[in-house]
Protein backbone atom coordinates (compact mmCIF):
# COMPACT_ATOMS: atom_id res chain seq x y z
CA MET A 1 118.78 102.05 145.61
CA SER A 2 116.41 102.74 142.55
CA ALA A 3 116.62 105.00 139.51
CA THR A 4 114.00 106.54 137.54
CA ILE A 5 114.58 106.34 133.87
CA LYS A 6 112.34 108.65 131.43
CA GLN A 7 110.64 107.35 128.66
CA SER A 8 111.53 108.12 125.30
CA PRO A 9 108.32 109.92 123.42
CA ASP A 10 110.57 106.95 120.26
CA VAL A 11 108.75 103.98 119.34
CA GLY A 12 109.81 100.39 119.25
CA THR A 13 113.51 99.74 119.13
CA ALA A 14 114.53 102.97 119.35
CA THR A 15 112.58 103.30 122.69
CA ASN A 16 113.64 99.61 123.27
CA LYS A 17 117.20 100.75 122.97
CA GLY A 18 117.38 103.73 125.30
CA ARG A 19 115.99 101.64 127.73
CA LYS A 20 118.81 99.82 127.86
CA GLN A 21 121.74 102.18 127.56
CA ALA A 22 120.05 104.34 130.79
CA VAL A 23 119.65 100.66 132.35
CA THR A 24 123.15 100.13 131.70
CA ARG A 25 124.91 103.13 132.74
CA ALA A 26 123.15 102.37 135.81
CA LEU A 27 123.84 99.03 136.60
CA LEU A 28 127.53 100.55 135.64
CA ALA A 29 127.27 103.99 138.36
CA VAL A 30 126.50 101.18 141.10
CA GLY A 31 128.92 98.23 140.74
CA PHE A 32 132.09 101.56 140.45
CA LEU A 33 130.76 103.35 143.55
CA SER A 34 131.00 100.32 145.27
CA LEU A 35 134.60 99.49 143.85
CA ALA A 36 135.52 102.48 144.88
CA ALA A 37 134.77 102.41 148.39
CA ALA A 38 136.88 99.04 148.31
CA ALA A 39 141.10 99.17 149.13
CA THR A 40 143.50 97.11 147.06
CA ALA A 41 146.78 95.84 147.44
CA PRO A 42 149.71 96.99 145.63
CA ALA A 43 150.06 95.02 141.82
CA GLN A 44 152.42 93.14 142.56
CA ALA A 45 150.88 91.24 145.24
CA LEU A 46 148.59 90.26 142.43
CA THR A 47 147.96 87.69 140.60
CA PRO A 48 146.64 89.74 137.19
CA GLU A 49 143.13 87.53 137.81
CA GLU A 50 143.24 89.36 140.79
CA LEU A 51 144.20 92.81 139.65
CA ALA A 52 141.52 92.60 136.59
CA LYS A 53 139.02 91.79 139.88
CA ALA A 54 140.28 94.63 141.85
CA LYS A 55 139.85 96.95 139.19
CA GLY A 56 136.69 96.38 138.52
CA CYS A 57 137.15 94.37 135.08
CA PHE A 58 134.48 91.88 136.10
CA VAL A 59 131.75 94.01 136.51
CA CYS A 60 131.44 94.50 132.74
CA HIS A 61 133.76 92.34 131.46
CA GLY A 62 132.27 88.96 132.96
CA ALA A 63 133.77 86.35 135.43
CA LYS A 64 136.92 86.60 134.72
CA GLY A 65 136.63 87.92 131.94
CA SER A 66 134.35 86.29 130.07
CA GLY A 67 131.71 88.88 128.67
CA GLY A 68 128.39 90.77 129.44
CA LEU A 69 127.85 94.05 129.03
CA ALA A 70 131.19 94.62 127.67
CA PRO A 71 133.22 92.17 125.40
CA SER A 72 135.51 88.98 126.67
CA PHE A 73 138.48 89.39 127.01
CA GLY A 74 138.88 86.54 124.45
CA ASP A 75 137.30 88.75 122.46
CA ILE A 76 139.84 91.38 122.70
CA ALA A 77 142.61 89.19 122.16
CA ARG A 78 140.84 88.05 119.20
CA ARG A 79 140.50 91.15 117.72
CA PHE A 80 144.35 92.18 118.77
CA GLU A 81 145.76 89.03 117.89
CA GLY A 82 148.83 89.22 116.13
CA LEU A 83 149.59 92.92 116.45
CA ALA A 84 153.07 94.12 117.17
CA ASN A 85 151.08 97.35 118.36
CA ALA A 86 148.45 95.69 120.64
CA LYS A 87 149.60 96.60 123.59
CA MET A 88 149.95 100.02 122.93
CA MET A 89 147.14 100.62 121.46
CA LEU A 90 145.02 99.21 124.43
CA MET A 91 147.14 101.35 127.24
CA PRO A 92 145.00 104.35 126.64
CA ILE A 93 141.59 102.32 126.47
CA VAL A 94 143.14 100.88 130.15
CA HIS A 95 143.51 103.98 131.35
CA ALA A 96 140.95 106.60 129.97
CA GLY A 97 138.04 104.32 128.88
CA THR A 98 136.13 104.54 125.77
CA GLY A 99 134.52 107.68 125.10
CA GLU A 100 132.94 109.35 122.35
CA GLY A 101 135.83 108.80 119.57
CA ALA A 102 137.66 106.79 120.73
CA PRO A 103 140.06 104.30 118.48
CA TYR A 104 139.71 100.02 118.52
CA HIS A 105 136.52 99.85 120.32
CA TRP A 106 133.40 98.05 119.17
CA GLY A 107 129.77 97.50 120.55
CA PRO A 108 127.36 99.20 121.87
CA GLY A 109 129.06 99.68 125.06
CA LYS A 110 131.50 102.31 126.40
CA MET A 111 133.65 101.81 128.86
CA PRO A 112 133.46 104.52 131.83
CA PRO A 113 136.72 107.31 131.81
CA GLU A 114 139.11 107.00 134.29
CA ASP A 115 137.17 108.82 136.75
CA ALA A 116 134.57 106.78 136.97
CA ARG A 117 136.26 103.89 138.14
CA GLN A 118 139.79 102.40 140.20
CA PRO A 119 143.30 104.60 138.81
CA VAL A 120 145.13 102.26 136.80
CA THR A 121 148.20 103.17 136.87
CA ASP A 122 150.54 102.34 133.38
CA GLU A 123 152.44 98.58 135.41
CA GLU A 124 148.81 97.52 136.02
CA ALA A 125 147.56 99.03 133.01
CA ALA A 126 150.96 96.63 131.81
CA ILE A 127 149.60 93.56 133.03
CA LEU A 128 145.47 93.34 132.62
CA ILE A 129 146.95 93.96 129.45
CA ASP A 130 149.05 90.81 128.78
CA TYR A 131 145.81 88.87 130.84
CA ILE A 132 143.80 90.12 128.50
CA LEU A 133 145.68 89.50 125.61
CA SER A 134 146.99 86.07 126.44
CA SER A 135 143.18 84.84 127.20
CA HIS A 136 141.64 82.94 124.50
């Protein structure tokens, strides 16, 4: 699969940044299209790590949540450590992604919206968040 990336009239850092974002979007699209074709078992039959893999978390967050295009699960856990409402704060992000104006988001990449990745139920989101928060 090949993608055409238009060059920006900007030069220097802005051009490189734009190219990196375009490449990142293309890689995400390919990864999520591949995941969309995969069938997954119910959440109860999977370990939290298997659930994260089945839902495509590792496409961006790296193998076993070690980082990559997105923060590692350990970095996320450290950022939310000690917050009593961390699970509540992360629930909308796991469900809806981190589009424009998303709270609690940092870094240049955005988590894809819900319709661009495997759907996550409330039960699955709770399992994933517990797994992420225990990853430090």
